[in-house]
Amino acid sequence: MPPRPKAGRPLAAHQAALSIAYGAGLRGAEVAALKISDIDSERMLLRVERGKGGRYRNAMLPADLLPLLREWWKAGRQQGVMHSGGWVIC
């Protein structure tokens, strides 16, 4: 039986990454490259830089995903792994 993941940063980061990928329709590399500054919570958009084909695009940010991202932001700041100009998934 594989070991269970410890609660905290890895589990929260994985949940946020998978939720972004599924909810906004982003590819794995796009999720990994997503920065805090790419989230536009007023217009509910994610700016995807250098997506497929090296193009820039905007992806819709689902309303139910924003609270999860804010929760991850708070937890990441408390743990010292989230920085204002850094990536969403560390």
N, C-alpha and C. Protein backbone atom coordinates (compact mmCIF):
# COMPACT_ATOMS: atom_id res chain seq x y z
N MET A 1 0.85 -1.17 0.00
CA MET A 1 0.00 0.00 0.00
C MET A 1 0.90 1.24 0.00
N PRO A 2 0.69 2.19 -0.93
CA PRO A 2 1.53 3.39 -0.98
C PRO A 2 1.29 4.29 0.22
N PRO A 3 2.31 5.03 0.64
CA PRO A 3 2.13 5.92 1.79
C PRO A 3 1.16 7.04 1.45
N ARG A 4 0.42 7.46 2.44
CA ARG A 4 -0.54 8.55 2.25
C ARG A 4 0.20 9.88 2.28
N PRO A 5 -0.19 10.84 1.43
CA PRO A 5 0.48 12.15 1.46
C PRO A 5 0.17 12.88 2.75
N LYS A 6 1.15 13.63 3.22
CA LYS A 6 0.96 14.43 4.41
C LYS A 6 0.10 15.64 4.06
N ALA A 7 -0.73 16.05 5.01
CA ALA A 7 -1.55 17.24 4.80
C ALA A 7 -0.64 18.46 4.77
N GLY A 8 -1.03 19.45 4.03
CA GLY A 8 -0.24 20.67 3.96
C GLY A 8 0.07 21.08 2.54
N ARG A 9 1.24 21.65 2.34
CA ARG A 9 1.60 22.25 1.08
C ARG A 9 1.48 21.34 -0.15
N PRO A 10 2.09 20.14 -0.17
CA PRO A 10 2.01 19.34 -1.40
C PRO A 10 0.59 19.01 -1.80
N LEU A 11 -0.24 18.61 -0.85
CA LEU A 11 -1.61 18.25 -1.16
C LEU A 11 -2.39 19.47 -1.65
N ALA A 12 -2.24 20.60 -0.98
CA ALA A 12 -2.95 21.82 -1.39
C ALA A 12 -2.46 22.29 -2.75
N ALA A 13 -1.17 22.20 -3.01
CA ALA A 13 -0.62 22.63 -4.30
C ALA A 13 -1.14 21.73 -5.42
N HIS A 14 -1.18 20.42 -5.17
CA HIS A 14 -1.69 19.50 -6.19
C HIS A 14 -3.16 19.74 -6.47
N GLN A 15 -3.93 19.98 -5.42
CA GLN A 15 -5.36 20.24 -5.60
C GLN A 15 -5.56 21.52 -6.40
N ALA A 16 -4.79 22.55 -6.10
CA ALA A 16 -4.91 23.81 -6.84
C ALA A 16 -4.50 23.60 -8.30
N ALA A 17 -3.42 22.88 -8.55
CA ALA A 17 -2.95 22.66 -9.91
C ALA A 17 -3.97 21.89 -10.74
N LEU A 18 -4.49 20.81 -10.17
CA LEU A 18 -5.47 20.01 -10.90
C LEU A 18 -6.77 20.78 -11.12
N SER A 19 -7.17 21.57 -10.15
CA SER A 19 -8.39 22.36 -10.29
C SER A 19 -8.24 23.42 -11.38
N ILE A 20 -7.07 24.04 -11.46
CA ILE A 20 -6.82 25.03 -12.51
C ILE A 20 -6.83 24.36 -13.87
N ALA A 21 -6.15 23.22 -13.98
CA ALA A 21 -6.08 22.52 -15.26
C ALA A 21 -7.47 22.10 -15.73
N TYR A 22 -8.24 21.52 -14.85
CA TYR A 22 -9.56 21.03 -15.24
C TYR A 22 -10.55 22.18 -15.40
N GLY A 23 -10.60 23.08 -14.43
CA GLY A 23 -11.61 24.14 -14.43
C GLY A 23 -11.42 25.17 -15.52
N ALA A 24 -10.17 25.51 -15.83
CA ALA A 24 -9.90 26.54 -16.83
C ALA A 24 -9.47 25.95 -18.17
N GLY A 25 -9.29 24.64 -18.22
CA GLY A 25 -8.90 23.99 -19.47
C GLY A 25 -7.46 24.25 -19.87
N LEU A 26 -6.57 24.37 -18.88
CA LEU A 26 -5.16 24.61 -19.17
C LEU A 26 -4.40 23.30 -19.26
N ARG A 27 -3.33 23.32 -20.04
CA ARG A 27 -2.44 22.17 -20.14
C ARG A 27 -1.48 22.18 -18.95
N GLY A 28 -0.82 21.06 -18.72
CA GLY A 28 0.09 20.94 -17.58
C GLY A 28 1.19 21.97 -17.58
N ALA A 29 1.82 22.20 -18.72
CA ALA A 29 2.90 23.18 -18.80
C ALA A 29 2.37 24.60 -18.58
N GLU A 30 1.14 24.86 -19.00
CA GLU A 30 0.54 26.18 -18.79
C GLU A 30 0.25 26.42 -17.32
N VAL A 31 -0.20 25.39 -16.63
CA VAL A 31 -0.44 25.50 -15.18
C VAL A 31 0.88 25.74 -14.45
N ALA A 32 1.92 25.02 -14.84
CA ALA A 32 3.21 25.16 -14.17
C ALA A 32 3.81 26.54 -14.39
N ALA A 33 3.51 27.19 -15.51
CA ALA A 33 4.07 28.50 -15.82
C ALA A 33 3.20 29.65 -15.34
N LEU A 34 2.04 29.36 -14.78
CA LEU A 34 1.11 30.40 -14.34
C LEU A 34 1.66 31.17 -13.15
N LYS A 35 1.65 32.51 -13.26
CA LYS A 35 2.14 33.37 -12.18
C LYS A 35 0.96 34.06 -11.51
N ILE A 36 1.20 34.58 -10.33
CA ILE A 36 0.17 35.31 -9.60
C ILE A 36 -0.35 36.47 -10.43
N SER A 37 0.54 37.16 -11.12
CA SER A 37 0.14 38.32 -11.92
C SER A 37 -0.71 37.94 -13.13
N ASP A 38 -0.79 36.65 -13.47
CA ASP A 38 -1.60 36.20 -14.60
C ASP A 38 -3.07 36.01 -14.23
N ILE A 39 -3.40 36.14 -12.96
CA ILE A 39 -4.78 35.96 -12.51
C ILE A 39 -5.46 37.32 -12.43
N ASP A 40 -6.53 37.48 -13.20
CA ASP A 40 -7.32 38.71 -13.19
C ASP A 40 -8.66 38.37 -12.56
N SER A 41 -8.77 38.60 -11.25
CA SER A 41 -9.98 38.22 -10.52
C SER A 41 -11.15 39.17 -10.80
N GLU A 42 -10.87 40.37 -11.25
CA GLU A 42 -11.96 41.31 -11.57
C GLU A 42 -12.67 40.89 -12.85
N ARG A 43 -11.92 40.51 -13.86
CA ARG A 43 -12.51 40.09 -15.14
C ARG A 43 -12.69 38.58 -15.21
N MET A 44 -12.23 37.86 -14.17
CA MET A 44 -12.34 36.40 -14.08
C MET A 44 -11.65 35.72 -15.26
N LEU A 45 -10.38 36.12 -15.48
CA LEU A 45 -9.58 35.57 -16.56
C LEU A 45 -8.21 35.12 -16.06
N LEU A 46 -7.65 34.15 -16.75
CA LEU A 46 -6.26 33.74 -16.54
C LEU A 46 -5.50 34.06 -17.82
N ARG A 47 -4.41 34.76 -17.71
CA ARG A 47 -3.58 35.06 -18.89
C ARG A 47 -2.57 33.93 -19.03
N VAL A 48 -2.64 33.26 -20.16
CA VAL A 48 -1.75 32.13 -20.44
C VAL A 48 -0.69 32.62 -21.41
N GLU A 49 0.56 32.64 -20.96
CA GLU A 49 1.66 33.07 -21.80
C GLU A 49 2.35 31.85 -22.39
N ARG A 50 2.71 31.96 -23.62
CA ARG A 50 3.44 30.89 -24.32
C ARG A 50 2.73 29.54 -24.18
N GLY A 51 1.46 29.54 -24.55
CA GLY A 51 0.71 28.29 -24.55
C GLY A 51 1.08 27.48 -25.78
N LYS A 52 0.18 26.64 -26.20
CA LYS A 52 0.44 25.79 -27.36
C LYS A 52 0.71 26.67 -28.59
N GLY A 53 1.79 26.39 -29.26
CA GLY A 53 2.16 27.18 -30.43
C GLY A 53 2.84 28.49 -30.07
N GLY A 54 3.20 28.69 -28.80
CA GLY A 54 3.89 29.90 -28.37
C GLY A 54 3.00 31.14 -28.35
N ARG A 55 1.70 30.94 -28.32
CA ARG A 55 0.75 32.06 -28.36
C ARG A 55 0.30 32.46 -26.95
N TYR A 56 -0.15 33.69 -26.86
CA TYR A 56 -0.75 34.20 -25.64
C TYR A 56 -2.26 34.07 -25.78
N ARG A 57 -2.92 33.75 -24.68
CA ARG A 57 -4.38 33.67 -24.71
C ARG A 57 -4.92 33.91 -23.32
N ASN A 58 -6.21 34.15 -23.26
CA ASN A 58 -6.91 34.29 -22.00
C ASN A 58 -7.82 33.09 -21.82
N ALA A 59 -7.85 32.55 -20.62
CA ALA A 59 -8.75 31.43 -20.29
C ALA A 59 -9.71 31.92 -19.22
N MET A 60 -10.93 31.44 -19.29
CA MET A 60 -11.93 31.82 -18.29
C MET A 60 -11.56 31.23 -16.93
N LEU A 61 -11.74 32.03 -15.89
CA LEU A 61 -11.51 31.59 -14.52
C LEU A 61 -12.87 31.28 -13.90
N PRO A 62 -13.17 30.01 -13.67
CA PRO A 62 -14.47 29.67 -13.08
C PRO A 62 -14.64 30.31 -11.70
N ALA A 63 -15.85 30.76 -11.42
CA ALA A 63 -16.13 31.45 -10.16
C ALA A 63 -15.83 30.58 -8.94
N ASP A 64 -16.06 29.28 -9.03
CA ASP A 64 -15.81 28.41 -7.88
C ASP A 64 -14.33 28.08 -7.70
N LEU A 65 -13.49 28.45 -8.66
CA LEU A 65 -12.05 28.21 -8.55
C LEU A 65 -11.35 29.35 -7.81
N LEU A 66 -11.90 30.55 -7.88
CA LEU A 66 -11.27 31.71 -7.24
C LEU A 66 -11.12 31.53 -5.72
N PRO A 67 -12.13 31.06 -4.99
CA PRO A 67 -11.93 30.85 -3.54
C PRO A 67 -10.83 29.83 -3.23
N LEU A 68 -10.71 28.79 -4.05
CA LEU A 68 -9.65 27.79 -3.85
C LEU A 68 -8.28 28.43 -4.06
N LEU A 69 -8.14 29.25 -5.09
CA LEU A 69 -6.87 29.93 -5.34
C LEU A 69 -6.53 30.90 -4.22
N ARG A 70 -7.52 31.59 -3.70
CA ARG A 70 -7.28 32.51 -2.58
C ARG A 70 -6.87 31.74 -1.33
N GLU A 71 -7.49 30.60 -1.12
CA GLU A 71 -7.13 29.76 0.04
C GLU A 71 -5.69 29.27 -0.10
N TRP A 72 -5.31 28.84 -1.31
CA TRP A 72 -3.94 28.38 -1.56
C TRP A 72 -2.97 29.55 -1.39
N TRP A 73 -3.36 30.75 -1.82
CA TRP A 73 -2.51 31.94 -1.66
C TRP A 73 -2.22 32.18 -0.18
N LYS A 74 -3.26 32.15 0.64
CA LYS A 74 -3.08 32.38 2.08
C LYS A 74 -2.20 31.30 2.71
N ALA A 75 -2.47 30.04 2.38
CA ALA A 75 -1.69 28.94 2.96
C ALA A 75 -0.24 29.02 2.49
N GLY A 76 -0.03 29.31 1.22
CA GLY A 76 1.32 29.42 0.69
C GLY A 76 2.09 30.57 1.29
N ARG A 77 1.43 31.69 1.53
CA ARG A 77 2.08 32.84 2.17
C ARG A 77 2.49 32.50 3.60
N GLN A 78 1.63 31.80 4.33
CA GLN A 78 1.94 31.43 5.70
C GLN A 78 3.12 30.45 5.77
N GLN A 79 3.22 29.59 4.76
CA GLN A 79 4.29 28.60 4.73
C GLN A 79 5.57 29.17 4.12
N GLY A 80 5.49 30.37 3.55
CA GLY A 80 6.66 31.00 2.98
C GLY A 80 7.04 30.51 1.60
N VAL A 81 6.14 29.83 0.91
CA VAL A 81 6.45 29.31 -0.43
C VAL A 81 5.80 30.14 -1.54
N MET A 82 4.92 31.06 -1.18
CA MET A 82 4.20 31.86 -2.17
C MET A 82 4.68 33.30 -2.07
N HIS A 83 5.11 33.86 -3.19
CA HIS A 83 5.59 35.23 -3.25
C HIS A 83 4.75 36.00 -4.26
N SER A 84 4.57 37.29 -4.04
CA SER A 84 3.65 38.08 -4.85
C SER A 84 3.98 38.06 -6.34
N GLY A 85 5.25 37.98 -6.73
CA GLY A 85 5.57 37.95 -8.15
C GLY A 85 5.87 36.56 -8.66
N GLY A 86 5.67 35.57 -7.83
CA GLY A 86 6.06 34.20 -8.17
C GLY A 86 4.99 33.40 -8.87
N TRP A 87 5.26 32.12 -8.99
CA TRP A 87 4.34 31.21 -9.65
C TRP A 87 3.25 30.77 -8.71
N VAL A 88 2.11 30.40 -9.29
CA VAL A 88 0.98 29.93 -8.49
C VAL A 88 1.30 28.57 -7.87
N ILE A 89 1.86 27.68 -8.66
CA ILE A 89 2.21 26.35 -8.17
C ILE A 89 3.72 26.30 -8.00
N CYS A 90 4.16 26.21 -6.77
CA CYS A 90 5.60 26.24 -6.46
C CYS A 90 6.19 24.86 -6.45
